[in-house]
Structures are given as C-alpha cells and as structure tokens.
Amino acid sequence: MDKIEAGEVSMDTRMLDGREVVAELVREARVDAAEDRFFTNRANMDMADRVISIVALVFGAVCVCALLAHVLFV
C-alpha cells in the first residue's frame, strides 16, 4: 500500500469515526427527548392525580354532608 492509499484508508476511517460520532449524538438526543417526554408525562400525571384527589375529596365531603343532613332532618 502506498502513501495515497494509506491516506484514503485513514480518510475513510475518519469519515466512519465522524459518522459514529454523529450517530452517537443522535442517539443521545433521542434519549434526552425521551427522558423529557417521560418527565413531562410524569408531571402531567401528577397534576391529574391531584385533580382527581381533590374531586374525590369534594365528592366525599358532599356525601358526608348529605348523609348528616338526612340523619338530622329526617
């Protein structure tokens, strides 16, 4: 192998390394995006859980008040 062929091989290797670097950056970006979606969905789930808990608490309070009113006034 002469110097020109050796240079071409090293350039091909460098291009491959560059492609691997780009592929790794893309993988990391996808992982970061997936984590962001996970934590955003988690935050939305937490908010939904809070809303459901508040609605259930209010419904329970209304039921207790209705039961007390029924017992006291009937």
C-alpha atoms as a PDB file:
ATOM      1  CA  MET A   1       0.000   0.000   0.000  1.00  0.00           C
ATOM      2  CA  ASP A   2       1.490   3.332  -0.991  1.00  0.00           C
ATOM      3  CA  LYS A   3       1.023   6.705   0.758  1.00  0.00           C
ATOM      4  CA  ILE A   4      -2.018   7.706  -1.315  1.00  0.00           C
ATOM      5  CA  GLU A   5      -3.886   4.503  -0.490  1.00  0.00           C
ATOM      6  CA  ALA A   6      -2.889   4.823   3.185  1.00  0.00           C
ATOM      7  CA  GLY A   7      -4.274   8.384   3.173  1.00  0.00           C
ATOM      8  CA  GLU A   8      -7.518   7.200   1.622  1.00  0.00           C
ATOM      9  CA  VAL A   9      -7.851   4.473   4.221  1.00  0.00           C
ATOM     10  CA  SER A  10      -7.263   6.920   7.054  1.00  0.00           C
ATOM     11  CA  MET A  11      -9.770   9.365   5.490  1.00  0.00           C
ATOM     12  CA  ASP A  12     -12.326   6.556   5.233  1.00  0.00           C
ATOM     13  CA  THR A  13     -11.638   5.699   8.868  1.00  0.00           C
ATOM     14  CA  ARG A  14     -12.027   9.332   9.860  1.00  0.00           C
ATOM     15  CA  MET A  15     -15.309   9.563   7.964  1.00  0.00           C
ATOM     16  CA  LEU A  16     -16.515   6.425   9.705  1.00  0.00           C
ATOM     17  CA  ASP A  17     -15.494   7.882  13.064  1.00  0.00           C
ATOM     18  CA  GLY A  18     -17.317  11.091  12.172  1.00  0.00           C
ATOM     19  CA  ARG A  19     -20.414   9.103  11.272  1.00  0.00           C
ATOM     20  CA  GLU A  20     -20.168   7.196  14.542  1.00  0.00           C
ATOM     21  CA  VAL A  21     -19.879  10.471  16.429  1.00  0.00           C
ATOM     22  CA  VAL A  22     -22.934  11.852  14.639  1.00  0.00           C
ATOM     23  CA  ALA A  23     -24.837   8.612  15.262  1.00  0.00           C
ATOM     24  CA  GLU A  24     -23.924   8.785  18.958  1.00  0.00           C
ATOM     25  CA  LEU A  25     -25.058  12.421  19.139  1.00  0.00           C
ATOM     26  CA  VAL A  26     -28.355  11.467  17.523  1.00  0.00           C
ATOM     27  CA  ARG A  27     -28.788   8.588  19.970  1.00  0.00           C
ATOM     28  CA  GLU A  28     -28.097  10.902  22.910  1.00  0.00           C
ATOM     29  CA  ALA A  29     -30.544  13.482  21.559  1.00  0.00           C
ATOM     30  CA  ARG A  30     -33.226  10.801  21.219  1.00  0.00           C
ATOM     31  CA  VAL A  31     -32.587   9.576  24.760  1.00  0.00           C
ATOM     32  CA  ASP A  32     -32.761  13.144  26.080  1.00  0.00           C
ATOM     33  CA  ALA A  33     -36.009  13.737  24.208  1.00  0.00           C
ATOM     34  CA  ALA A  34     -37.462  10.500  25.567  1.00  0.00           C
ATOM     35  CA  GLU A  35     -36.473  11.491  29.109  1.00  0.00           C
ATOM     36  CA  ASP A  36     -38.044  14.918  28.625  1.00  0.00           C
ATOM     37  CA  ARG A  37     -41.268  13.307  27.404  1.00  0.00           C
ATOM     38  CA  PHE A  38     -41.217  10.901  30.339  1.00  0.00           C
ATOM     39  CA  PHE A  39     -40.798  13.655  32.925  1.00  0.00           C
ATOM     40  CA  THR A  40     -43.377  15.876  31.199  1.00  0.00           C
ATOM     41  CA  ASN A  41     -45.854  12.993  31.162  1.00  0.00           C
ATOM     42  CA  ARG A  42     -44.963  12.300  34.792  1.00  0.00           C
ATOM     43  CA  ALA A  43     -45.679  15.924  35.732  1.00  0.00           C
ATOM     44  CA  ASN A  44     -48.977  15.805  33.856  1.00  0.00           C
ATOM     45  CA  MET A  45     -49.866  12.555  35.627  1.00  0.00           C
ATOM     46  CA  ASP A  46     -49.064  14.135  38.988  1.00  0.00           C
ATOM     47  CA  MET A  47     -51.331  17.073  38.162  1.00  0.00           C
ATOM     48  CA  ALA A  48     -54.101  14.717  37.045  1.00  0.00           C
ATOM     49  CA  ASP A  49     -53.693  12.721  40.262  1.00  0.00           C
ATOM     50  CA  ARG A  50     -54.031  15.920  42.292  1.00  0.00           C
ATOM     51  CA  VAL A  51     -57.156  16.979  40.419  1.00  0.00           C
ATOM     52  CA  ILE A  52     -58.705  13.532  40.842  1.00  0.00           C
ATOM     53  CA  SER A  53     -57.843  13.566  44.545  1.00  0.00           C
ATOM     54  CA  ILE A  54     -59.438  16.985  45.027  1.00  0.00           C
ATOM     55  CA  VAL A  55     -62.581  15.984  43.123  1.00  0.00           C
ATOM     56  CA  ALA A  56     -62.841  12.765  45.158  1.00  0.00           C
ATOM     57  CA  LEU A  57     -62.355  14.698  48.397  1.00  0.00           C
ATOM     58  CA  VAL A  58     -65.068  17.223  47.480  1.00  0.00           C
ATOM     59  CA  PHE A  59     -67.425  14.417  46.425  1.00  0.00           C
ATOM     60  CA  GLY A  60     -66.773  12.595  49.703  1.00  0.00           C
ATOM     61  CA  ALA A  61     -67.431  15.782  51.700  1.00  0.00           C
ATOM     62  CA  VAL A  62     -70.705  16.345  49.838  1.00  0.00           C
ATOM     63  CA  CYS A  63     -71.776  12.757  50.540  1.00  0.00           C
ATOM     64  CA  VAL A  64     -70.950  13.098  54.238  1.00  0.00           C
ATOM     65  CA  CYS A  65     -72.868  16.390  54.437  1.00  0.00           C
ATOM     66  CA  ALA A  66     -75.856  14.857  52.660  1.00  0.00           C
ATOM     67  CA  LEU A  67     -75.789  11.863  54.999  1.00  0.00           C
ATOM     68  CA  LEU A  68     -75.627  14.110  58.077  1.00  0.00           C
ATOM     69  CA  ALA A  69     -78.445  16.277  56.748  1.00  0.00           C
ATOM     70  CA  HIS A  70     -80.546  13.181  56.127  1.00  0.00           C
ATOM     71  CA  VAL A  71     -79.887  11.826  59.630  1.00  0.00           C
ATOM     72  CA  LEU A  72     -80.501  15.153  61.384  1.00  0.00           C
ATOM     73  CA  PHE A  73     -83.539  16.411  59.486  1.00  0.00           C
ATOM     74  CA  VAL A  74     -85.471  13.275  58.583  1.00  0.00           C
END
